[in-house]
Amino acid sequence: SRLFKLSFKNLNDLSAAFDCSNHRKLVIVGTISSGLSPIEVHISHNNSTYYRAGFFNISPDPATGEFAMIIDCPFKYIKLKYFVNATVTALISGSN
C-alpha cells in the first residue's frame, strides 16, 4: 500500500500522476472547496498520453465536498481533473 497526496486548484488542471503499476485496486478519497462538477479520472499506460476514463467519474457530495471511490487498476498511471475553480485535495492509496 502506498499513500499519495495531490492538490490542484486551477480550472481544467490535471493532477500529478500516480504510478499504480504495482497495484490492483485504488482507493481515492478527498475534498473539494466548491462546485458540484464530477472529478474526471484520466489513465495512461506510458505516463505521457492520458485518456479520460468516463466510467470512473467521481461525484463529490454536494453538502460536504467529500468524495471517495474504489476502482480496479489494470492501467499504469492515473491523474484527476476538475472543471471548476476550486481546491481539490485527494489521497490515493494502492493495494495488491
C-alpha atoms as a PDB file:
ATOM      1  CA  SER A   1       0.000   0.000   0.000  1.00  0.00           C
ATOM      2  CA  ARG A   2       1.237   3.482  -0.848  1.00  0.00           C
ATOM      3  CA  LEU A   3      -0.338   6.819   0.048  1.00  0.00           C
ATOM      4  CA  PHE A   4      -0.158   9.695  -2.447  1.00  0.00           C
ATOM      5  CA  LYS A   5      -1.420  13.216  -1.721  1.00  0.00           C
ATOM      6  CA  LEU A   6      -2.224  15.625  -4.524  1.00  0.00           C
ATOM      7  CA  SER A   7      -3.739  19.058  -4.725  1.00  0.00           C
ATOM      8  CA  PHE A   8      -4.733  21.289  -7.624  1.00  0.00           C
ATOM      9  CA  LYS A   9      -6.845  24.424  -7.859  1.00  0.00           C
ATOM     10  CA  ASN A  10      -6.914  25.888 -11.351  1.00  0.00           C
ATOM     11  CA  LEU A  11      -9.679  25.351 -13.877  1.00  0.00           C
ATOM     12  CA  ASN A  12      -9.064  22.242 -16.032  1.00  0.00           C
ATOM     13  CA  ASP A  13      -5.842  21.309 -14.216  1.00  0.00           C
ATOM     14  CA  LEU A  14      -4.714  17.703 -14.274  1.00  0.00           C
ATOM     15  CA  SER A  15      -3.226  16.486 -11.024  1.00  0.00           C
ATOM     16  CA  ALA A  16       0.211  14.953 -10.719  1.00  0.00           C
ATOM     17  CA  ALA A  17       0.438  11.343 -11.870  1.00  0.00           C
ATOM     18  CA  PHE A  18       0.104   8.394  -9.508  1.00  0.00           C
ATOM     19  CA  ASP A  19       2.034   5.275 -10.563  1.00  0.00           C
ATOM     20  CA  CYS A  20      -0.312   2.380  -9.931  1.00  0.00           C
ATOM     21  CA  SER A  21       1.554  -0.241 -11.975  1.00  0.00           C
ATOM     22  CA  ASN A  22       2.136  -2.401  -8.867  1.00  0.00           C
ATOM     23  CA  HIS A  23      -1.441  -2.160  -7.577  1.00  0.00           C
ATOM     24  CA  ARG A  24      -4.629  -3.998  -8.425  1.00  0.00           C
ATOM     25  CA  LYS A  25      -7.040  -1.713  -6.546  1.00  0.00           C
ATOM     26  CA  LEU A  26      -7.031   2.018  -5.788  1.00  0.00           C
ATOM     27  CA  VAL A  27      -8.853   3.972  -3.112  1.00  0.00           C
ATOM     28  CA  ILE A  28      -9.343   7.663  -3.948  1.00  0.00           C
ATOM     29  CA  VAL A  29     -10.670   9.943  -1.202  1.00  0.00           C
ATOM     30  CA  GLY A  30     -10.639  13.701  -0.676  1.00  0.00           C
ATOM     31  CA  THR A  31     -12.435  17.026  -0.610  1.00  0.00           C
ATOM     32  CA  ILE A  32     -13.181  19.961  -2.895  1.00  0.00           C
ATOM     33  CA  SER A  33     -13.589  23.557  -1.750  1.00  0.00           C
ATOM     34  CA  SER A  34     -16.550  24.363  -4.039  1.00  0.00           C
ATOM     35  CA  GLY A  35     -18.554  23.217  -7.029  1.00  0.00           C
ATOM     36  CA  LEU A  36     -20.666  20.219  -7.918  1.00  0.00           C
ATOM     37  CA  SER A  37     -18.898  19.013 -11.062  1.00  0.00           C
ATOM     38  CA  PRO A  38     -17.689  15.429 -11.185  1.00  0.00           C
ATOM     39  CA  ILE A  39     -13.969  14.753 -10.947  1.00  0.00           C
ATOM     40  CA  GLU A  40     -12.669  13.056 -14.065  1.00  0.00           C
ATOM     41  CA  VAL A  41     -10.243  10.164 -13.923  1.00  0.00           C
ATOM     42  CA  HIS A  42      -7.587  10.032 -16.662  1.00  0.00           C
ATOM     43  CA  ILE A  43      -5.495   6.918 -17.256  1.00  0.00           C
ATOM     44  CA  SER A  44      -2.298   6.098 -19.132  1.00  0.00           C
ATOM     45  CA  HIS A  45      -0.012   3.169 -19.869  1.00  0.00           C
ATOM     46  CA  ASN A  46       3.084   5.317 -20.540  1.00  0.00           C
ATOM     47  CA  ASN A  47       2.691   8.461 -18.352  1.00  0.00           C
ATOM     48  CA  SER A  48       2.689  10.767 -21.374  1.00  0.00           C
ATOM     49  CA  THR A  49      -0.605  10.154 -23.214  1.00  0.00           C
ATOM     50  CA  TYR A  50      -3.649  10.240 -20.948  1.00  0.00           C
ATOM     51  CA  TYR A  51      -7.203   9.236 -21.804  1.00  0.00           C
ATOM     52  CA  ARG A  52     -10.379  10.106 -19.956  1.00  0.00           C
ATOM     53  CA  ALA A  53     -11.868   7.062 -18.279  1.00  0.00           C
ATOM     54  CA  GLY A  54     -15.509   8.147 -18.455  1.00  0.00           C
ATOM     55  CA  PHE A  55     -16.701   5.185 -16.427  1.00  0.00           C
ATOM     56  CA  PHE A  56     -14.622   6.392 -13.434  1.00  0.00           C
ATOM     57  CA  ASN A  57     -16.100   9.875 -12.808  1.00  0.00           C
ATOM     58  CA  ILE A  58     -16.155  10.741  -9.108  1.00  0.00           C
ATOM     59  CA  SER A  59     -19.105  12.780  -7.809  1.00  0.00           C
ATOM     60  CA  PRO A  60     -18.388  14.854  -4.690  1.00  0.00           C
ATOM     61  CA  ASP A  61     -21.074  15.107  -2.028  1.00  0.00           C
ATOM     62  CA  PRO A  62     -22.789  18.476  -2.676  1.00  0.00           C
ATOM     63  CA  ALA A  63     -23.227  19.203   1.034  1.00  0.00           C
ATOM     64  CA  THR A  64     -19.687  18.453   2.223  1.00  0.00           C
ATOM     65  CA  GLY A  65     -17.458  18.392  -0.882  1.00  0.00           C
ATOM     66  CA  GLU A  66     -16.150  14.972   0.160  1.00  0.00           C
ATOM     67  CA  PHE A  67     -15.634  12.135  -2.293  1.00  0.00           C
ATOM     68  CA  ALA A  68     -14.483   8.518  -2.271  1.00  0.00           C
ATOM     69  CA  MET A  69     -14.149   5.732  -4.813  1.00  0.00           C
ATOM     70  CA  ILE A  70     -12.584   2.281  -5.047  1.00  0.00           C
ATOM     71  CA  ILE A  71     -11.539   1.170  -8.535  1.00  0.00           C
ATOM     72  CA  ASP A  72      -9.764  -1.726 -10.185  1.00  0.00           C
ATOM     73  CA  CYS A  73      -6.437  -0.716 -11.652  1.00  0.00           C
ATOM     74  CA  PRO A  74      -5.453  -2.522 -14.901  1.00  0.00           C
ATOM     75  CA  PHE A  75      -3.626   0.630 -16.116  1.00  0.00           C
ATOM     76  CA  LYS A  76      -0.234   2.040 -15.043  1.00  0.00           C
ATOM     77  CA  TYR A  77      -0.860   5.730 -14.257  1.00  0.00           C
ATOM     78  CA  ILE A  78      -3.777   7.843 -13.097  1.00  0.00           C
ATOM     79  CA  LYS A  79      -4.483  11.592 -12.908  1.00  0.00           C
ATOM     80  CA  LEU A  80      -7.547  13.517 -11.713  1.00  0.00           C
ATOM     81  CA  LYS A  81      -9.151  16.555 -13.381  1.00  0.00           C
ATOM     82  CA  TYR A  82     -11.707  19.058 -12.085  1.00  0.00           C
ATOM     83  CA  PHE A  83     -13.590  21.676 -14.128  1.00  0.00           C
ATOM     84  CA  VAL A  84     -14.370  24.351 -11.556  1.00  0.00           C
ATOM     85  CA  ASN A  85     -12.021  26.857  -9.937  1.00  0.00           C
ATOM     86  CA  ALA A  86     -11.678  25.096  -6.601  1.00  0.00           C
ATOM     87  CA  THR A  87      -9.037  23.466  -4.454  1.00  0.00           C
ATOM     88  CA  VAL A  88      -9.152  19.689  -4.755  1.00  0.00           C
ATOM     89  CA  THR A  89      -7.180  17.641  -2.251  1.00  0.00           C
ATOM     90  CA  ALA A  90      -7.097  13.892  -2.768  1.00  0.00           C
ATOM     91  CA  LEU A  91      -5.364  10.893  -1.281  1.00  0.00           C
ATOM     92  CA  ILE A  92      -4.762   7.828  -3.431  1.00  0.00           C
ATOM     93  CA  SER A  93      -3.783   4.520  -1.906  1.00  0.00           C
ATOM     94  CA  GLY A  94      -2.977   1.363  -3.837  1.00  0.00           C
ATOM     95  CA  SER A  95      -3.221  -2.247  -2.743  1.00  0.00           C
ATOM     96  CA  ASN A  96      -2.147  -5.531  -4.276  1.00  0.00           C
END
